[in-house]
Protein backbone atom coordinates (compact mmCIF):
# COMPACT_ATOMS: atom_id res chain seq x y z
CA MET A 1 -14.77 211.46 -90.82
CA ALA A 2 -11.36 209.83 -91.00
CA GLU A 3 -12.67 206.79 -89.11
CA ILE A 4 -15.42 206.29 -91.66
CA ALA A 5 -12.92 206.42 -94.53
CA GLN A 6 -10.72 203.83 -92.81
CA GLU A 7 -13.69 201.51 -92.27
CA GLU A 8 -14.62 201.78 -95.96
CA LYS A 9 -11.04 200.89 -96.96
CA LYS A 10 -11.13 197.83 -94.67
CA GLN A 11 -14.42 196.70 -96.24
CA LYS A 12 -12.95 197.05 -99.73
CA GLU A 13 -9.88 195.01 -98.70
CA VAL A 14 -12.09 192.27 -97.31
CA LYS A 15 -13.96 192.05 -100.63
CA LYS A 16 -10.70 191.52 -102.54
CA VAL A 17 -10.18 188.03 -101.11
CA LYS A 18 -9.12 185.66 -103.89
CA PRO A 19 -11.02 182.47 -104.53
CA GLU A 20 -9.48 179.22 -103.32
CA TYR A 21 -8.19 178.10 -106.73
CA LEU A 22 -6.35 181.38 -107.33
CA LYS A 23 -4.54 181.43 -104.00
CA GLU A 24 -0.88 180.53 -104.00
CA LYS A 25 -0.09 177.08 -102.74
CA LYS A 26 1.89 176.82 -99.56
CA SER A 27 5.56 176.23 -100.04
CA GLY A 28 6.32 172.55 -99.82
CA GLU A 29 3.09 171.29 -101.33
CA VAL A 30 4.54 171.24 -104.84
CA VAL A 31 8.03 170.10 -105.75
CA ARG A 32 9.49 171.16 -109.10
CA ILE A 33 11.85 168.69 -110.76
CA HIS A 34 12.92 169.15 -114.39
CA SER A 35 10.26 171.80 -115.06
CA THR A 36 7.51 169.47 -113.84
CA ASP A 37 5.31 170.33 -110.88
CA ILE A 38 4.82 167.25 -108.72
CA ASP A 39 2.47 166.91 -105.77
CA GLY A 40 4.63 166.92 -102.64
CA SER A 41 2.43 164.44 -100.82
CA LYS A 42 3.42 161.66 -103.26
CA ASN A 43 6.07 159.07 -102.50
CA LEU A 44 9.45 159.66 -104.09
CA LEU A 45 9.13 156.77 -106.53
CA ILE A 46 5.66 157.75 -107.77
CA GLY A 47 6.59 161.44 -107.89
CA ILE A 48 9.67 160.91 -110.05
CA SER A 49 7.70 158.71 -112.44
CA ARG A 50 5.35 161.66 -113.09
CA ILE A 51 8.13 163.34 -115.09
CA LYS A 52 7.70 162.82 -118.83
CA GLY A 53 10.25 160.30 -120.03
CA VAL A 54 10.83 158.71 -116.62
CA GLY A 55 8.80 155.58 -116.12
CA TYR A 56 8.31 153.52 -113.01
CA ALA A 57 11.26 151.22 -113.75
CA MET A 58 13.65 154.10 -114.46
CA ALA A 59 12.47 155.95 -111.32
CA ASN A 60 13.02 152.80 -109.28
CA ALA A 61 16.53 152.37 -110.67
CA ILE A 62 17.44 156.01 -109.97
CA VAL A 63 16.16 155.88 -106.38
CA TYR A 64 17.94 152.56 -105.79
CA LYS A 65 21.27 153.82 -107.17
CA LEU A 66 21.06 157.07 -105.17
CA GLY A 67 20.27 155.15 -101.99
CA ILE A 68 17.22 157.21 -101.05
CA ASP A 69 14.20 155.63 -99.38
CA ARG A 70 11.56 155.22 -102.08
CA LYS A 71 8.66 155.70 -99.65
CA ARG A 72 9.80 159.15 -98.54
CA LYS A 73 7.50 162.05 -99.32
CA LEU A 74 8.74 164.58 -101.85
CA THR A 75 8.29 167.45 -99.40
CA THR A 76 10.93 165.96 -97.09
CA LEU A 77 13.65 166.18 -99.75
CA SER A 78 16.33 168.82 -99.35
CA ASP A 79 17.47 171.04 -102.21
CA THR A 80 20.70 169.06 -102.64
CA GLU A 81 18.76 165.78 -102.89
CA ILE A 82 16.45 167.28 -105.51
CA GLU A 83 19.51 168.48 -107.41
CA THR A 84 21.09 165.01 -107.33
CA ILE A 85 17.82 163.48 -108.57
CA GLU A 86 17.73 166.00 -111.43
CA ASN A 87 21.32 165.18 -112.34
CA ALA A 88 20.54 161.46 -112.24
CA ILE A 89 17.56 161.90 -114.57
CA ALA A 90 19.62 164.04 -116.94
CA ASN A 91 22.55 161.62 -116.98
CA PRO A 92 21.57 158.09 -115.88
CA ASP A 93 24.75 156.72 -117.48
CA ALA A 94 26.76 158.28 -114.63
CA LEU A 95 24.87 156.07 -112.15
CA LYS A 96 25.68 152.99 -114.27
CA ILE A 97 22.03 152.28 -114.99
CA PRO A 98 21.81 149.59 -117.71
CA HIS A 99 21.47 150.92 -121.25
CA TRP A 100 18.48 148.71 -121.97
CA MET A 101 16.46 150.97 -119.63
CA PHE A 102 17.12 154.08 -121.70
CA ASN A 103 14.29 155.35 -123.86
CA ARG A 104 16.47 156.16 -126.90
CA GLN A 105 18.88 153.37 -127.78
CA LYS A 106 21.18 153.77 -130.78
CA ASP A 107 20.10 157.34 -131.49
CA MET A 108 20.03 158.04 -135.24
CA ASP A 109 21.95 161.29 -134.93
CA SER A 110 24.68 160.34 -132.46
CA GLY A 111 24.58 156.53 -132.48
CA LYS A 112 24.70 156.47 -128.66
CA ASP A 113 22.31 155.18 -126.04
CA ILE A 114 20.72 158.22 -124.41
CA HIS A 115 17.78 158.88 -122.10
CA LEU A 116 15.53 161.81 -122.98
CA HIS A 117 13.05 163.55 -120.71
CA THR A 118 10.46 166.36 -120.72
CA ILE A 119 10.53 168.58 -123.83
CA ASP A 120 13.55 166.82 -125.37
CA LEU A 121 11.51 163.62 -125.62
CA VAL A 122 8.56 165.40 -127.24
CA MET A 123 10.77 167.19 -129.77
CA SER A 124 12.71 164.07 -130.74
CA LYS A 125 9.49 162.11 -131.26
CA LYS A 126 8.12 164.88 -133.48
CA SER A 127 11.34 165.06 -135.49
CA ASP A 128 11.33 161.26 -135.95
CA ILE A 129 7.78 161.35 -137.32
CA ASP A 130 8.67 164.26 -139.61
CA MET A 131 11.72 162.37 -140.88
CA MET A 132 9.58 159.31 -141.63
CA GLY A 133 7.22 161.53 -143.60
CA GLU A 134 10.08 163.10 -145.58
CA THR A 135 11.54 159.72 -146.50
CA LYS A 136 8.05 158.55 -147.55
CA SER A 137 8.27 155.41 -145.45
CA TYR A 138 5.12 153.38 -144.86
CA LYS A 139 4.85 154.57 -141.26
CA GLY A 140 5.45 158.15 -142.33
CA LEU A 141 2.68 158.00 -144.90
CA ARG A 142 0.28 156.50 -142.37
CA HIS A 143 1.16 159.25 -139.88
CA SER A 144 0.60 161.99 -142.45
CA ARG A 145 -2.79 160.57 -143.43
CA GLY A 146 -3.85 160.22 -139.80
CA GLN A 147 -4.34 156.46 -140.13
CA LYS A 148 -3.29 153.70 -137.78
CA VAL A 149 0.42 152.96 -137.95
CA ARG A 150 1.01 149.70 -136.10
CA GLY A 151 -0.97 147.22 -138.18
CA GLN A 152 -4.34 147.57 -136.49
CA ARG A 153 -7.52 146.88 -138.40
CA THR A 154 -9.15 149.86 -140.05
CA ALA A 155 -12.18 148.31 -141.75
CA SER A 156 -14.53 148.80 -138.83
CA THR A 157 -12.65 150.99 -136.33
CA GLY A 158 -10.90 154.33 -136.31
CA ARG A 159 -13.46 156.08 -138.48
CA GLY A 160 -13.18 159.39 -136.73
CA LYS A 161 -12.53 161.06 -133.47
CA ALA A 162 -16.13 162.16 -132.92
CA ALA A 163 -18.04 160.20 -130.31
CA VAL A 164 -21.11 158.38 -131.50
CA GLY A 165 -24.14 158.71 -129.30
CA VAL A 166 -27.89 158.55 -129.26
CA ILE A 167 -29.93 161.74 -129.10
CA LYS A 168 -33.00 161.27 -127.00
CA LYS A 169 -36.28 162.59 -128.31
CA LYS A 170 -36.65 165.22 -125.59
CA ASN A 171 -33.15 166.60 -126.25
CA MET A 172 -33.26 166.72 -130.04
CA PRO A 173 -32.10 170.04 -131.47
CA GLY A 174 -34.63 172.22 -133.22
CA GLN A 175 -37.55 171.22 -131.04
CA VAL A 176 -39.29 173.89 -129.03
CA LYS A 177 -40.65 172.94 -125.67
CA ASP A 178 -44.32 173.67 -125.28
CA ASP A 179 -44.98 174.80 -121.74
CA LYS A 180 -48.55 175.73 -122.66
CA LYS A 181 -49.65 172.09 -123.09
CA LYS A 182 -51.88 170.91 -120.29
C-alpha cells in the first residue's frame, strides 16, 4: 500500500515539470550590468552597448580605457571587472573620456557635461519634453499635438499609426463561409 502511494507521488512530481521558457537560466548565461540583462555569449563591446545610454562609441572608449579585451565574452568577466565597468559607465569623466562623447552636454540644471544611462536617461528626456511643453516652444507644441518635430513633411505622411492594408475578398469581415456550396 505504501509503495503504491510513493509511486503516485513520483508520477505527480514528474507531471510538474516546467516548460522550457519558464525554467531558470543557468548561471553565467546572463550578465546583469546597470539593471540590464545582457546575453553572456556576446562580446564585451557589443554587450556593453546594449545598455540604454551607452552606444558603440562610448562602449569602445570604456573598454579601451579599462584595458580589457573587447572580444572577450561577458561570461568570462569576474565580479570585480563587472563592477569596474559599472563604475566607468556611471562616471566616464574619471576615465578621462572626452566630453564630446557624453550624451548630455551643458545640462540645463547643472551646466555640466554628464553622461546618463538607463532610467536616468529616460526620465531626463521626458522632463525635457515636458519643459518644452510648459514653455510653449514650437517643439513643445508639436510634441503635445503628436506631430513631427524635426521639420519633416506632414502633407502626405504621418497621418496615423494604423497600418494601411488591403483586405482580400475571402477574408472580408461579415461574410459567412458557405460550406454547403457544391
